[in-house]
Amino acid sequence: MTVNEYMKNAHLDGDTFLLQGGSVGVVLFHGLTATTAEVRLLGEHLHGLGFTVSAPLLPGHGTHPDELNRTKWLDWYETAEAAFLEMRQRSEKVFIGGESMGALLALLIASRYEQVSGAVLAAPALKIRNLEAAYLLQYFIRHKDKQQAEDNLPWKGYNVYPVKSLAQLGKLQNVVKKELPAVTQPLLVFTGGKDKSVPPKSGKTIIARVSSKDKQLVTMQESPHVMLLAQERGQIFAQTAAFIHALV
């Protein structure tokens, strides 16, 4: 890992990981500017229950914000897809999940692969407050300061938003919106009552537009955007485990 002034909690492990367990696999995807540290606690919890868990570090992440500015949304998707396909080779059933942008990648994979057994979405970034400005800003500035801090949370990632990557996130959102009706698998969606990045409408739109018969929207009233590392994470982990157990 390259340590630089833009990396928050550089000492944490944010690399790709695989936790070998039983015949049921779970693949987790982190959000924009983050690393796998964002999903590691959930991954370790599920591994402790006997699941095989993996999480890829997405292209442009964990190095330098300028590297993220050079990546496209399709780069993130292809890496996420490859992790899913690899897990399919080693597991009888595969569940996928993610936080923020990672939840969008999970949705896109679910829309394209019926072999996904179910998906868990935390703070799905189908809508992001003030994202439209990035399309213009990307031609004038490289980085945008973050207004929302992840202080006191074991979160590793960039402390700025590479602006071109925000525009790519917008493109990913548009693709996912079009493919939502193709999602038929069971869904568990979490939104945060104190999320300053993703509005509640994001989760409601997903629930309304997917074709899944088994779908649940849960609002964690005290959770910020990085809910998988925050104070209500234990409840999220327990509900996620129960969701998977009910389907295997």
Protein backbone atom coordinates (compact mmCIF):
# COMPACT_ATOMS: atom_id res chain seq x y z
CA MET A 1 0.00 0.00 0.00
CA THR A 2 1.16 3.50 -0.80
CA VAL A 3 0.84 5.76 2.21
CA ASN A 4 0.07 9.38 1.35
CA GLU A 5 -1.41 12.52 2.83
CA TYR A 6 -4.81 11.69 1.34
CA MET A 7 -5.14 8.31 3.10
CA LYS A 8 -7.17 8.17 6.30
CA ASN A 9 -6.19 5.40 8.74
CA ALA A 10 -3.35 4.24 6.51
CA HIS A 11 -2.31 1.68 9.14
CA LEU A 12 -5.44 -0.43 8.60
CA ASP A 13 -5.54 -3.40 6.22
CA GLY A 14 -7.63 -2.44 3.21
CA ASP A 15 -6.42 -5.04 0.73
CA THR A 16 -8.37 -7.75 -1.07
CA PHE A 17 -9.15 -10.59 1.33
CA LEU A 18 -10.46 -14.17 1.32
CA LEU A 19 -11.63 -15.90 4.49
CA GLN A 20 -12.04 -19.59 3.75
CA GLY A 21 -15.04 -21.25 5.36
CA GLY A 22 -17.85 -23.56 4.32
CA SER A 23 -19.74 -24.18 1.09
CA VAL A 24 -21.79 -20.96 1.20
CA GLY A 25 -19.93 -17.92 -0.07
CA VAL A 26 -20.40 -14.20 0.48
CA VAL A 27 -18.70 -11.51 -1.63
CA LEU A 28 -18.62 -7.95 -0.26
CA PHE A 29 -17.89 -4.69 -2.09
CA HIS A 30 -16.68 -1.43 -0.55
CA GLY A 31 -17.76 2.07 -1.49
CA LEU A 32 -16.21 4.89 -3.47
CA THR A 33 -12.92 6.21 -1.95
CA ALA A 34 -12.98 3.40 0.65
CA THR A 35 -11.10 0.09 0.94
CA THR A 36 -12.05 -3.39 2.11
CA ALA A 37 -11.63 -2.18 5.70
CA GLU A 38 -15.18 -0.86 5.23
CA VAL A 39 -16.61 -4.39 4.89
CA ARG A 40 -14.02 -6.34 6.89
CA LEU A 41 -15.91 -6.41 10.20
CA LEU A 42 -19.02 -7.78 8.50
CA GLY A 43 -16.87 -10.24 6.60
CA GLU A 44 -15.19 -11.48 9.77
CA HIS A 45 -18.56 -11.84 11.49
CA LEU A 46 -19.96 -13.95 8.65
CA HIS A 47 -16.76 -16.00 8.47
CA GLY A 48 -17.13 -16.69 12.17
CA LEU A 49 -20.52 -18.24 11.38
CA GLY A 50 -18.94 -20.61 8.87
CA PHE A 51 -19.27 -18.78 5.56
CA THR A 52 -16.50 -18.30 3.02
CA VAL A 53 -16.11 -14.54 2.56
CA SER A 54 -14.17 -12.45 0.07
CA ALA A 55 -13.86 -8.76 -0.75
CA PRO A 56 -11.87 -7.25 -3.64
CA LEU A 57 -10.06 -3.94 -3.42
CA LEU A 58 -11.58 -2.05 -6.35
CA PRO A 59 -9.38 -0.36 -8.99
CA GLY A 60 -8.11 3.11 -8.11
CA HIS A 61 -8.62 2.58 -4.38
CA GLY A 62 -6.06 2.18 -1.61
CA THR A 63 -3.32 4.07 -3.48
CA HIS A 64 -3.78 7.75 -4.37
CA PRO A 65 -6.87 9.83 -5.31
CA ASP A 66 -5.38 10.62 -8.73
CA GLU A 67 -5.38 6.90 -9.48
CA LEU A 68 -9.12 6.78 -8.76
CA ASN A 69 -9.63 9.71 -11.12
CA ARG A 70 -8.14 7.56 -13.86
CA THR A 71 -10.57 4.67 -13.43
CA LYS A 72 -14.01 4.12 -14.98
CA TRP A 73 -17.09 2.61 -13.41
CA LEU A 74 -16.69 -0.43 -15.66
CA ASP A 75 -13.28 -1.09 -14.06
CA TRP A 76 -14.98 -1.37 -10.66
CA TYR A 77 -17.74 -3.57 -12.03
CA GLU A 78 -15.38 -5.95 -13.83
CA THR A 79 -13.35 -6.47 -10.65
CA ALA A 80 -16.51 -7.06 -8.61
CA GLU A 81 -17.86 -9.46 -11.24
CA ALA A 82 -14.59 -11.41 -11.29
CA ALA A 83 -14.72 -11.79 -7.49
CA PHE A 84 -18.28 -13.13 -7.75
CA LEU A 85 -17.37 -15.59 -10.51
CA GLU A 86 -14.37 -16.80 -8.51
CA MET A 87 -16.57 -17.40 -5.48
CA ARG A 88 -19.03 -19.34 -7.65
CA GLN A 89 -16.22 -21.77 -8.45
CA ARG A 90 -15.59 -22.52 -4.77
CA SER A 91 -19.10 -22.33 -3.27
CA GLU A 92 -22.48 -24.05 -3.64
CA LYS A 93 -24.38 -20.82 -3.08
CA VAL A 94 -23.14 -17.22 -3.35
CA PHE A 95 -24.55 -14.13 -1.68
CA ILE A 96 -23.32 -10.65 -2.46
CA GLY A 97 -23.41 -7.36 -0.61
CA GLY A 98 -21.89 -3.96 -0.37
CA GLU A 99 -21.95 -0.51 1.13
CA SER A 100 -22.73 2.67 -0.83
CA MET A 101 -21.24 2.26 -4.33
CA GLY A 102 -20.49 -1.34 -3.42
CA ALA A 103 -24.23 -1.92 -3.04
CA LEU A 104 -24.73 -0.67 -6.61
CA LEU A 105 -22.15 -3.14 -7.88
CA ALA A 106 -23.99 -5.92 -6.02
CA LEU A 107 -27.27 -4.87 -7.63
CA LEU A 108 -25.73 -4.87 -11.09
CA ILE A 109 -24.27 -8.35 -10.62
CA ALA A 110 -27.62 -9.60 -9.31
CA SER A 111 -29.38 -8.18 -12.36
CA ARG A 112 -27.05 -10.10 -14.67
CA TYR A 113 -26.52 -13.39 -12.83
CA GLU A 114 -29.47 -15.44 -11.63
CA GLN A 115 -26.97 -17.60 -9.71
CA VAL A 116 -26.79 -14.87 -7.04
CA SER A 117 -28.70 -16.36 -4.09
CA GLY A 118 -29.43 -13.02 -2.42
CA ALA A 119 -28.05 -9.52 -1.89
CA VAL A 120 -27.53 -7.29 1.15
CA LEU A 121 -27.30 -3.56 0.46
CA ALA A 122 -26.05 -1.04 3.03
CA ALA A 123 -26.58 2.67 2.28
CA PRO A 124 -27.06 1.96 -1.44
CA ALA A 125 -25.86 5.00 -3.37
CA LEU A 126 -28.51 5.00 -6.08
CA LYS A 127 -28.93 8.68 -5.26
CA ILE A 128 -26.24 10.95 -3.81
CA ARG A 129 -26.89 14.46 -2.58
CA ASN A 130 -25.40 17.15 -4.88
CA LEU A 131 -23.70 14.62 -7.17
CA GLU A 132 -24.76 16.48 -10.33
CA ALA A 133 -22.16 19.20 -9.71
CA ALA A 134 -19.36 16.68 -10.30
CA TYR A 135 -20.07 16.54 -14.03
CA LEU A 136 -19.01 20.19 -14.33
CA LEU A 137 -16.44 20.30 -11.53
CA GLN A 138 -14.38 17.45 -12.99
CA TYR A 139 -13.04 19.82 -15.65
CA PHE A 140 -11.80 22.35 -13.08
CA ILE A 141 -10.63 20.55 -9.93
CA ARG A 142 -9.07 17.16 -9.20
CA HIS A 143 -10.28 16.65 -5.63
CA LYS A 144 -13.20 17.81 -3.53
CA ASP A 145 -12.91 18.00 0.25
CA LYS A 146 -15.14 15.66 2.19
CA GLN A 147 -17.80 17.24 4.36
CA GLN A 148 -18.63 14.02 6.17
CA ALA A 149 -15.97 12.56 8.43
CA GLU A 150 -15.65 8.92 9.49
CA ASP A 151 -13.91 9.93 12.70
CA ASN A 152 -13.45 7.24 15.33
CA LEU A 153 -14.47 4.50 12.89
CA PRO A 154 -12.02 1.86 11.56
CA TRP A 155 -12.48 3.18 8.01
CA LYS A 156 -9.56 3.33 5.60
CA GLY A 157 -9.69 5.39 2.41
CA TYR A 158 -9.24 8.78 0.81
CA ASN A 159 -10.06 11.93 2.76
CA VAL A 160 -11.09 13.70 -0.47
CA TYR A 161 -13.40 12.86 -3.37
CA PRO A 162 -11.56 12.53 -6.70
CA VAL A 163 -14.07 14.49 -8.78
CA LYS A 164 -13.84 12.47 -11.99
CA SER A 165 -14.67 9.36 -9.97
CA LEU A 166 -17.85 11.07 -8.74
CA ALA A 167 -18.89 11.57 -12.36
CA GLN A 168 -18.21 7.87 -12.97
CA LEU A 169 -20.38 7.02 -9.97
CA GLY A 170 -23.16 8.99 -11.64
CA LYS A 171 -22.78 6.87 -14.77
CA LEU A 172 -22.92 3.69 -12.69
CA GLN A 173 -26.11 4.93 -11.03
CA ASN A 174 -27.73 5.41 -14.43
CA VAL A 175 -26.85 1.87 -15.53
CA VAL A 176 -28.14 0.35 -12.30
CA LYS A 177 -31.42 2.28 -12.49
CA LYS A 178 -32.10 0.80 -15.92
CA GLU A 179 -31.34 -2.74 -14.77
CA LEU A 180 -33.23 -2.74 -11.45
CA PRO A 181 -36.28 -4.56 -12.90
CA ALA A 182 -33.97 -7.47 -13.84
CA VAL A 183 -33.18 -8.09 -10.15
CA THR A 184 -35.31 -11.01 -8.92
CA GLN A 185 -33.28 -12.33 -5.96
CA PRO A 186 -34.13 -11.81 -2.27
CA LEU A 187 -32.93 -8.39 -1.07
CA LEU A 188 -32.16 -6.93 2.33
CA VAL A 189 -31.66 -3.16 2.17
CA PHE A 190 -30.40 -0.96 5.00
CA THR A 191 -30.58 2.84 5.07
CA GLY A 192 -29.21 5.13 7.76
CA GLY A 193 -31.30 7.66 9.65
CA LYS A 194 -28.22 9.88 10.02
CA ASP A 195 -26.81 9.31 6.52
CA LYS A 196 -25.81 12.71 5.13
CA SER A 197 -24.76 11.32 1.73
CA VAL A 198 -27.54 8.98 0.59
CA PRO A 199 -31.16 10.14 1.02
CA PRO A 200 -33.82 7.64 2.25
CA LYS A 201 -35.43 7.73 -1.19
CA SER A 202 -32.54 5.67 -2.54
CA GLY A 203 -33.56 2.55 -0.65
CA LYS A 204 -37.25 3.09 -1.36
CA THR A 205 -36.61 3.40 -5.09
CA ILE A 206 -34.68 0.13 -5.14
CA ILE A 207 -37.43 -1.73 -3.28
CA ALA A 208 -40.07 -0.30 -5.60
CA ARG A 209 -38.31 -1.04 -8.88
CA VAL A 210 -36.74 -4.48 -8.44
CA SER A 211 -38.74 -7.56 -9.39
CA SER A 212 -37.81 -9.45 -6.21
CA LYS A 213 -40.71 -10.95 -4.28
CA ASP A 214 -38.63 -11.30 -1.10
CA LYS A 215 -37.41 -7.79 -0.28
CA GLN A 216 -37.05 -5.84 2.93
CA LEU A 217 -36.10 -2.24 3.70
CA VAL A 218 -34.69 -1.56 7.17
CA THR A 219 -33.94 1.92 8.50
CA MET A 220 -31.18 2.07 11.12
CA GLN A 221 -32.15 5.27 12.87
CA GLU A 222 -28.78 6.08 14.45
CA SER A 223 -26.56 5.00 11.56
CA PRO A 224 -24.42 7.35 9.43
CA HIS A 225 -23.39 6.56 5.88
CA VAL A 226 -20.59 4.19 6.94
CA MET A 227 -23.10 2.06 8.80
CA LEU A 228 -21.16 -1.21 8.63
CA LEU A 229 -18.58 0.27 11.01
CA ALA A 230 -20.86 2.39 13.21
CA GLN A 231 -22.70 1.78 16.48
CA GLU A 232 -25.63 -0.21 15.04
CA ARG A 233 -23.41 -2.56 13.07
CA GLY A 234 -24.14 -5.46 15.43
CA GLN A 235 -27.83 -5.32 14.53
CA ILE A 236 -27.00 -5.11 10.82
CA PHE A 237 -24.64 -8.08 11.08
CA ALA A 238 -27.26 -10.17 12.93
CA GLN A 239 -29.99 -9.37 10.40
CA THR A 240 -27.62 -10.10 7.53
CA ALA A 241 -26.71 -13.50 8.98
CA ALA A 242 -30.39 -14.33 9.58
CA PHE A 243 -31.21 -13.31 5.99
CA ILE A 244 -28.55 -15.65 4.58
CA HIS A 245 -29.38 -18.53 6.93
CA ALA A 246 -33.02 -18.39 5.86
CA LEU A 247 -32.00 -18.94 2.23
CA VAL A 248 -29.46 -21.78 2.52
